[in-house]
C-alpha atoms as a PDB file:
ATOM      1  CA  MET A   1      10.643-103.759 -34.536  1.00  0.00           C
ATOM      2  CA  VAL A   2      11.786-100.341 -33.278  1.00  0.00           C
ATOM      3  CA  HIS A   3      13.971 -98.057 -35.632  1.00  0.00           C
ATOM      4  CA  ALA A   4      16.024 -95.337 -34.055  1.00  0.00           C
ATOM      5  CA  HIS A   5      19.084 -93.128 -34.471  1.00  0.00           C
ATOM      6  CA  ASP A   6      21.597 -95.624 -32.758  1.00  0.00           C
ATOM      7  CA  TYR A   7      20.194 -98.932 -34.159  1.00  0.00           C
ATOM      8  CA  GLY A   8      22.120-101.350 -36.528  1.00  0.00           C
ATOM      9  CA  ILE A   9      21.580-103.645 -39.432  1.00  0.00           C
ATOM     10  CA  TYR A  10      20.534-107.040 -38.555  1.00  0.00           C
ATOM     11  CA  ARG A  11      20.133-110.343 -40.368  1.00  0.00           C
ATOM     12  CA  VAL A  12      17.258-112.386 -39.434  1.00  0.00           C
ATOM     13  CA  LEU A  13      17.724-116.143 -39.398  1.00  0.00           C
ATOM     14  CA  LEU A  14      15.195-118.960 -38.964  1.00  0.00           C
ATOM     15  CA  ASP A  15      16.820-122.328 -38.025  1.00  0.00           C
ATOM     16  CA  GLY A  16      20.158-120.917 -39.507  1.00  0.00           C
ATOM     17  CA  LYS A  17      18.581-119.747 -42.859  1.00  0.00           C
ATOM     18  CA  GLN A  18      18.553-116.009 -43.459  1.00  0.00           C
ATOM     19  CA  ILE A  19      14.908-114.886 -44.058  1.00  0.00           C
ATOM     20  CA  ALA A  20      15.511-111.098 -43.981  1.00  0.00           C
ATOM     21  CA  GLN A  21      17.967-108.318 -43.382  1.00  0.00           C
ATOM     22  CA  LEU A  22      16.745-105.237 -41.714  1.00  0.00           C
ATOM     23  CA  ASP A  23      18.318-101.834 -41.330  1.00  0.00           C
ATOM     24  CA  LEU A  24      16.905-100.414 -38.173  1.00  0.00           C
ATOM     25  CA  TYR A  25      18.206 -96.889 -38.534  1.00  0.00           C
ATOM     26  CA  ASP A  26      15.762 -93.963 -38.362  1.00  0.00           C
ATOM     27  CA  PRO A  27      16.650 -90.503 -37.249  1.00  0.00           C
ATOM     28  CA  ASP A  28      13.369 -90.839 -34.958  1.00  0.00           C
ATOM     29  CA  ILE A  29      12.256 -93.463 -32.576  1.00  0.00           C
ATOM     30  CA  THR A  30       9.836 -95.224 -34.839  1.00  0.00           C
ATOM     31  CA  PRO A  31       7.980 -98.487 -34.098  1.00  0.00           C
ATOM     32  CA  THR A  32       7.790-100.251 -37.491  1.00  0.00           C
ATOM     33  CA  ALA A  33       6.122-103.407 -38.625  1.00  0.00           C
ATOM     34  CA  GLU A  34       8.540-105.608 -40.415  1.00  0.00           C
ATOM     35  CA  LYS A  35       7.309-108.476 -42.549  1.00  0.00           C
ATOM     36  CA  LEU A  36       9.585-111.632 -42.615  1.00  0.00           C
ATOM     37  CA  GLY A  37       7.612-113.368 -45.216  1.00  0.00           C
ATOM     38  CA  THR A  38       5.811-116.593 -45.111  1.00  0.00           C
ATOM     39  CA  GLN A  39       7.719-119.494 -43.734  1.00  0.00           C
ATOM     40  CA  LYS A  40       6.408-123.165 -43.529  1.00  0.00           C
ATOM     41  CA  LEU A  41       7.392-124.734 -40.166  1.00  0.00           C
ATOM     42  CA  THR A  42       7.214-128.294 -39.253  1.00  0.00           C
ATOM     43  CA  ALA A  43       6.182-129.427 -35.689  1.00  0.00           C
ATOM     44  CA  GLY A  44       8.901-128.946 -33.072  1.00  0.00           C
ATOM     45  CA  THR A  45      11.331-126.506 -31.992  1.00  0.00           C
ATOM     46  CA  HIS A  46      12.658-123.587 -34.054  1.00  0.00           C
ATOM     47  CA  THR A  47      15.218-120.650 -33.605  1.00  0.00           C
ATOM     48  CA  LEU A  48      14.559-117.285 -34.688  1.00  0.00           C
ATOM     49  CA  ARG A  49      17.859-115.397 -34.445  1.00  0.00           C
ATOM     50  CA  PHE A  50      18.897-111.624 -34.995  1.00  0.00           C
ATOM     51  CA  GLU A  51      22.482-111.275 -35.912  1.00  0.00           C
ATOM     52  CA  CYS A  52      24.101-107.842 -36.065  1.00  0.00           C
ATOM     53  CA  ALA A  53      25.525-107.322 -39.582  1.00  0.00           C
ATOM     54  CA  GLY A  54      26.775-103.623 -39.023  1.00  0.00           C
ATOM     55  CA  LYS A  55      25.270-100.411 -38.974  1.00  0.00           C
ATOM     56  CA  SER A  56      24.142 -97.652 -41.417  1.00  0.00           C
ATOM     57  CA  ASP A  57      26.694 -94.810 -41.858  1.00  0.00           C
ATOM     58  CA  LYS A  58      24.123 -92.387 -40.208  1.00  0.00           C
ATOM     59  CA  SER A  59      23.690 -94.613 -37.172  1.00  0.00           C
ATOM     60  CA  ALA A  60      25.377 -93.770 -33.871  1.00  0.00           C
ATOM     61  CA  GLY A  61      25.221 -97.369 -32.719  1.00  0.00           C
ATOM     62  CA  TYR A  62      24.312-101.248 -33.164  1.00  0.00           C
ATOM     63  CA  PHE A  63      21.306-101.358 -31.020  1.00  0.00           C
ATOM     64  CA  LEU A  64      18.330-103.685 -31.604  1.00  0.00           C
ATOM     65  CA  GLY A  65      14.762-102.800 -30.504  1.00  0.00           C
ATOM     66  CA  PHE A  66      12.347-105.681 -30.648  1.00  0.00           C
ATOM     67  CA  ASP A  67       8.845-105.071 -29.414  1.00  0.00           C
ATOM     68  CA  ALA A  68       6.533-107.738 -30.519  1.00  0.00           C
ATOM     69  CA  LEU A  69       6.279-110.871 -32.578  1.00  0.00           C
ATOM     70  CA  ALA A  70       2.924-111.590 -34.410  1.00  0.00           C
ATOM     71  CA  VAL A  71       2.491-115.104 -36.096  1.00  0.00           C
ATOM     72  CA  ARG A  72      -0.467-116.013 -38.205  1.00  0.00           C
ATOM     73  CA  VAL A  73      -1.364-119.522 -38.992  1.00  0.00           C
ATOM     74  CA  PRO A  74      -3.289-119.979 -42.308  1.00  0.00           C
ATOM     75  CA  VAL A  75      -6.609-121.799 -42.111  1.00  0.00           C
ATOM     76  CA  TYR A  76      -6.010-123.491 -45.252  1.00  0.00           C
ATOM     77  CA  SER A  77      -3.340-123.707 -47.940  1.00  0.00           C
ATOM     78  CA  ARG A  78      -3.370-124.020 -51.683  1.00  0.00           C
ATOM     79  CA  ALA A  79      -0.881-124.538 -54.362  1.00  0.00           C
ATOM     80  CA  ALA A  80       0.793-121.427 -55.826  1.00  0.00           C
ATOM     81  CA  THR A  81      -0.704-122.509 -59.312  1.00  0.00           C
ATOM     82  CA  VAL A  82      -4.248-122.355 -58.123  1.00  0.00           C
ATOM     83  CA  ASP A  83      -6.106-119.487 -59.502  1.00  0.00           C
ATOM     84  CA  LEU A  84      -8.344-118.155 -56.717  1.00  0.00           C
ATOM     85  CA  ARG A  85     -11.032-117.265 -59.258  1.00  0.00           C
ATOM     86  CA  SER A  86     -11.371-120.850 -60.109  1.00  0.00           C
ATOM     87  CA  LEU A  87     -12.348-121.453 -56.430  1.00  0.00           C
ATOM     88  CA  GLN A  88     -15.379-119.255 -56.432  1.00  0.00           C
ATOM     89  CA  LYS A  89     -18.735-120.819 -56.341  1.00  0.00           C
ATOM     90  CA  LYS A  90     -20.455-120.940 -59.940  1.00  0.00           C
ATOM     91  CA  LYS A  91     -24.074-120.278 -60.220  1.00  0.00           C
END
């Protein structure tokens, strides 16, 4: 995402569910990596939506600057309760 002096605050929704809220104000133009968390997706079509929720008092506008979207697909998954140390090979 790009942050700048005239950018707004945006809710990020995935399939209608809010996954983040971003305040894109910065006094300088600043490319910034925003992490939207881990989302589990089913096969098929999904909608990622950026919805203006206002602006910072310091901001001169409501603009949105979207530069790129990087998606990572995990090679494997494990239950959150599994301790990674238990997966190490014992000698």
